[in-house]
Amino acid sequence: MIEASKSETPLRATFKIKLNGETVSIATVGQAYQFITNLSSIEWIEFKSLHDDAISSLQGAAENGMLTVQATNALRALFVRSKVL
């Protein structure tokens, strides 16, 4: 089993997010997984369903690169809804 946090599988889009005054680029499954799992779960509680979908999609994409479109879409939905983008 491949760890999603270490996956170098590229996403279909690069997300650029402002965090503490710095721009963070998220371009791989591993970067995205680390970003959404390293923040406190309290910060995502309002978006639990979208957060869970994104984590599940990223884990799937880490195992099967054909699932990167679904993972990218799940991330986009989470980031837009939470106003990160």
N, C-alpha and C. Protein backbone atom coordinates (compact mmCIF):
# COMPACT_ATOMS: atom_id res chain seq x y z
N MET A 1 0.84 -1.18 0.00
CA MET A 1 0.00 0.00 0.00
C MET A 1 0.89 1.25 0.00
N ILE A 2 0.59 2.17 -0.87
CA ILE A 2 1.34 3.41 -0.99
C ILE A 2 0.78 4.44 -0.01
N GLU A 3 1.68 5.11 0.71
CA GLU A 3 1.24 6.16 1.62
C GLU A 3 0.89 7.40 0.81
N ALA A 4 -0.30 7.90 0.99
CA ALA A 4 -0.75 9.07 0.23
C ALA A 4 0.13 10.28 0.51
N SER A 5 0.62 10.40 1.72
CA SER A 5 1.42 11.58 2.10
C SER A 5 2.77 11.62 1.39
N LYS A 6 3.20 10.49 0.84
CA LYS A 6 4.51 10.43 0.16
C LYS A 6 4.37 10.33 -1.36
N SER A 7 3.15 10.33 -1.84
CA SER A 7 2.90 10.17 -3.27
C SER A 7 3.38 11.38 -4.07
N GLU A 8 4.08 11.10 -5.15
CA GLU A 8 4.53 12.14 -6.07
C GLU A 8 3.64 12.25 -7.30
N THR A 9 2.51 11.56 -7.28
CA THR A 9 1.57 11.58 -8.40
C THR A 9 1.06 13.01 -8.59
N PRO A 10 1.23 13.57 -9.78
CA PRO A 10 0.77 14.94 -10.00
C PRO A 10 -0.75 15.05 -10.06
N LEU A 11 -1.26 16.13 -9.50
CA LEU A 11 -2.68 16.44 -9.63
C LEU A 11 -2.92 17.03 -11.01
N ARG A 12 -4.16 17.20 -11.41
CA ARG A 12 -4.49 17.78 -12.72
C ARG A 12 -4.42 19.30 -12.70
N ALA A 13 -4.24 19.88 -11.52
CA ALA A 13 -4.12 21.34 -11.39
C ALA A 13 -3.17 21.62 -10.22
N THR A 14 -2.51 22.76 -10.27
CA THR A 14 -1.70 23.20 -9.15
C THR A 14 -2.48 24.27 -8.40
N PHE A 15 -2.66 24.04 -7.12
CA PHE A 15 -3.38 24.99 -6.28
C PHE A 15 -2.38 25.90 -5.59
N LYS A 16 -2.59 27.19 -5.68
CA LYS A 16 -1.74 28.17 -4.99
C LYS A 16 -2.58 28.80 -3.90
N ILE A 17 -2.14 28.60 -2.66
CA ILE A 17 -2.91 29.02 -1.50
C ILE A 17 -2.06 29.94 -0.63
N LYS A 18 -2.66 31.04 -0.19
CA LYS A 18 -1.98 31.94 0.75
C LYS A 18 -2.15 31.39 2.16
N LEU A 19 -1.04 31.17 2.83
CA LEU A 19 -1.06 30.64 4.19
C LEU A 19 -0.05 31.42 5.02
N ASN A 20 -0.55 32.14 6.01
CA ASN A 20 0.32 32.96 6.87
C ASN A 20 1.18 33.93 6.06
N GLY A 21 0.59 34.52 5.04
CA GLY A 21 1.29 35.51 4.23
C GLY A 21 2.20 34.94 3.16
N GLU A 22 2.33 33.63 3.09
CA GLU A 22 3.17 32.99 2.07
C GLU A 22 2.29 32.18 1.13
N THR A 23 2.71 32.12 -0.13
CA THR A 23 1.99 31.31 -1.10
C THR A 23 2.53 29.89 -1.07
N VAL A 24 1.62 28.95 -0.91
CA VAL A 24 1.97 27.53 -0.90
C VAL A 24 1.41 26.91 -2.17
N SER A 25 2.25 26.20 -2.91
CA SER A 25 1.80 25.51 -4.12
C SER A 25 1.56 24.04 -3.80
N ILE A 26 0.43 23.55 -4.24
CA ILE A 26 0.08 22.15 -4.05
C ILE A 26 -0.10 21.54 -5.43
N ALA A 27 0.84 20.66 -5.81
CA ALA A 27 0.83 20.11 -7.16
C ALA A 27 0.77 18.59 -7.20
N THR A 28 1.03 17.93 -6.06
CA THR A 28 1.03 16.47 -6.04
C THR A 28 0.04 15.94 -5.02
N VAL A 29 -0.29 14.67 -5.17
CA VAL A 29 -1.19 14.00 -4.23
C VAL A 29 -0.61 14.08 -2.82
N GLY A 30 0.68 13.85 -2.67
CA GLY A 30 1.32 13.89 -1.36
C GLY A 30 1.26 15.26 -0.71
N GLN A 31 1.53 16.30 -1.49
CA GLN A 31 1.46 17.67 -0.95
C GLN A 31 0.04 17.99 -0.49
N ALA A 32 -0.94 17.63 -1.29
CA ALA A 32 -2.34 17.90 -0.95
C ALA A 32 -2.75 17.13 0.30
N TYR A 33 -2.37 15.87 0.35
CA TYR A 33 -2.72 15.04 1.51
C TYR A 33 -2.11 15.61 2.78
N GLN A 34 -0.85 15.99 2.72
CA GLN A 34 -0.19 16.57 3.89
C GLN A 34 -0.87 17.88 4.30
N PHE A 35 -1.22 18.71 3.31
CA PHE A 35 -1.84 19.99 3.62
C PHE A 35 -3.17 19.82 4.34
N ILE A 36 -4.03 18.93 3.85
CA ILE A 36 -5.36 18.83 4.46
C ILE A 36 -5.38 17.95 5.70
N THR A 37 -4.32 17.18 5.96
CA THR A 37 -4.29 16.37 7.17
C THR A 37 -3.44 17.01 8.27
N ASN A 38 -2.56 17.92 7.93
CA ASN A 38 -1.72 18.56 8.95
C ASN A 38 -2.42 19.68 9.69
N LEU A 39 -3.43 20.27 9.06
CA LEU A 39 -4.20 21.29 9.76
C LEU A 39 -5.09 20.60 10.78
N SER A 40 -5.43 21.31 11.82
CA SER A 40 -6.27 20.76 12.87
C SER A 40 -7.61 20.29 12.31
N SER A 41 -8.08 19.17 12.80
CA SER A 41 -9.38 18.67 12.34
C SER A 41 -10.50 19.63 12.70
N ILE A 42 -10.29 20.44 13.73
CA ILE A 42 -11.28 21.45 14.10
C ILE A 42 -11.47 22.45 12.96
N GLU A 43 -10.38 22.76 12.26
CA GLU A 43 -10.46 23.72 11.16
C GLU A 43 -11.30 23.19 10.00
N TRP A 44 -11.39 21.88 9.86
CA TRP A 44 -12.14 21.28 8.76
C TRP A 44 -13.51 20.78 9.19
N ILE A 45 -13.86 20.88 10.47
CA ILE A 45 -15.09 20.28 10.98
C ILE A 45 -16.34 20.76 10.23
N GLU A 46 -16.35 22.03 9.84
CA GLU A 46 -17.51 22.57 9.11
C GLU A 46 -17.65 21.93 7.73
N PHE A 47 -16.54 21.41 7.21
CA PHE A 47 -16.52 20.84 5.87
C PHE A 47 -16.17 19.35 5.92
N LYS A 48 -16.61 18.68 6.99
CA LYS A 48 -16.21 17.29 7.23
C LYS A 48 -16.47 16.37 6.05
N SER A 49 -17.63 16.45 5.46
CA SER A 49 -17.95 15.58 4.34
C SER A 49 -17.01 15.81 3.16
N LEU A 50 -16.79 17.08 2.81
CA LEU A 50 -15.88 17.39 1.70
C LEU A 50 -14.44 17.00 2.06
N HIS A 51 -14.05 17.20 3.30
CA HIS A 51 -12.71 16.84 3.76
C HIS A 51 -12.52 15.33 3.66
N ASP A 52 -13.49 14.57 4.14
CA ASP A 52 -13.42 13.11 4.06
C ASP A 52 -13.36 12.63 2.62
N ASP A 53 -14.15 13.25 1.74
CA ASP A 53 -14.13 12.90 0.32
C ASP A 53 -12.75 13.17 -0.29
N ALA A 54 -12.17 14.31 0.06
CA ALA A 54 -10.85 14.66 -0.47
C ALA A 54 -9.78 13.68 0.01
N ILE A 55 -9.81 13.33 1.27
CA ILE A 55 -8.83 12.38 1.80
C ILE A 55 -8.98 11.03 1.11
N SER A 56 -10.20 10.57 0.99
CA SER A 56 -10.45 9.29 0.33
C SER A 56 -9.99 9.32 -1.13
N SER A 57 -10.28 10.40 -1.82
CA SER A 57 -9.88 10.54 -3.23
C SER A 57 -8.36 10.59 -3.38
N LEU A 58 -7.70 11.28 -2.47
CA LEU A 58 -6.23 11.36 -2.52
C LEU A 58 -5.60 9.99 -2.24
N GLN A 59 -6.16 9.26 -1.31
CA GLN A 59 -5.65 7.92 -1.04
C GLN A 59 -5.82 7.02 -2.26
N GLY A 60 -6.96 7.14 -2.93
CA GLY A 60 -7.19 6.37 -4.15
C GLY A 60 -6.22 6.76 -5.25
N ALA A 61 -5.97 8.05 -5.41
CA ALA A 61 -5.05 8.52 -6.45
C ALA A 61 -3.61 8.11 -6.16
N ALA A 62 -3.26 7.99 -4.89
CA ALA A 62 -1.91 7.52 -4.54
C ALA A 62 -1.72 6.08 -5.00
N GLU A 63 -2.77 5.30 -4.94
CA GLU A 63 -2.73 3.89 -5.37
C GLU A 63 -2.88 3.74 -6.88
N ASN A 64 -3.70 4.61 -7.48
CA ASN A 64 -4.03 4.50 -8.90
C ASN A 64 -4.04 5.88 -9.53
N GLY A 65 -3.02 6.19 -10.31
CA GLY A 65 -2.89 7.50 -10.94
C GLY A 65 -4.06 7.91 -11.81
N MET A 66 -4.87 6.95 -12.24
CA MET A 66 -6.04 7.27 -13.06
C MET A 66 -7.09 8.02 -12.26
N LEU A 67 -6.97 8.04 -10.95
CA LEU A 67 -7.96 8.69 -10.10
C LEU A 67 -7.58 10.13 -9.73
N THR A 68 -6.57 10.68 -10.39
CA THR A 68 -6.13 12.05 -10.05
C THR A 68 -7.17 13.09 -10.42
N VAL A 69 -7.97 12.84 -11.44
CA VAL A 69 -9.01 13.80 -11.82
C VAL A 69 -10.03 13.92 -10.69
N GLN A 70 -10.47 12.78 -10.14
CA GLN A 70 -11.43 12.79 -9.04
C GLN A 70 -10.82 13.45 -7.81
N ALA A 71 -9.53 13.17 -7.54
CA ALA A 71 -8.87 13.76 -6.38
C ALA A 71 -8.75 15.28 -6.55
N THR A 72 -8.40 15.72 -7.74
CA THR A 72 -8.30 17.15 -8.01
C THR A 72 -9.65 17.83 -7.84
N ASN A 73 -10.70 17.21 -8.34
CA ASN A 73 -12.05 17.78 -8.20
C ASN A 73 -12.49 17.82 -6.75
N ALA A 74 -12.18 16.79 -5.98
CA ALA A 74 -12.55 16.77 -4.56
C ALA A 74 -11.81 17.86 -3.79
N LEU A 75 -10.53 18.06 -4.11
CA LEU A 75 -9.76 19.13 -3.47
C LEU A 75 -10.32 20.50 -3.84
N ARG A 76 -10.61 20.68 -5.11
CA ARG A 76 -11.15 21.96 -5.57
C ARG A 76 -12.46 22.27 -4.83
N ALA A 77 -13.32 21.28 -4.70
CA ALA A 77 -14.60 21.49 -4.00
C ALA A 77 -14.35 21.88 -2.54
N LEU A 78 -13.43 21.20 -1.88
CA LEU A 78 -13.12 21.51 -0.48
C LEU A 78 -12.53 22.91 -0.35
N PHE A 79 -11.57 23.23 -1.21
CA PHE A 79 -10.90 24.54 -1.11
C PHE A 79 -11.84 25.69 -1.44
N VAL A 80 -12.69 25.52 -2.44
CA VAL A 80 -13.63 26.58 -2.81
C VAL A 80 -14.67 26.78 -1.71
N ARG A 81 -15.22 25.70 -1.23
CA ARG A 81 -16.27 25.79 -0.18
C ARG A 81 -15.72 26.40 1.12
N SER A 82 -14.46 26.07 1.44
CA SER A 82 -13.85 26.59 2.66
C SER A 82 -13.18 27.94 2.45
N LYS A 83 -13.29 28.44 1.22
CA LYS A 83 -12.76 29.76 0.85
C LYS A 83 -11.25 29.86 1.01
N VAL A 84 -10.57 28.73 0.80
CA VAL A 84 -9.11 28.71 0.80
C VAL A 84 -8.59 29.24 -0.53
N LEU A 85 -9.34 28.98 -1.60
CA LEU A 85 -8.96 29.48 -2.93
C LEU A 85 -9.63 30.81 -3.19
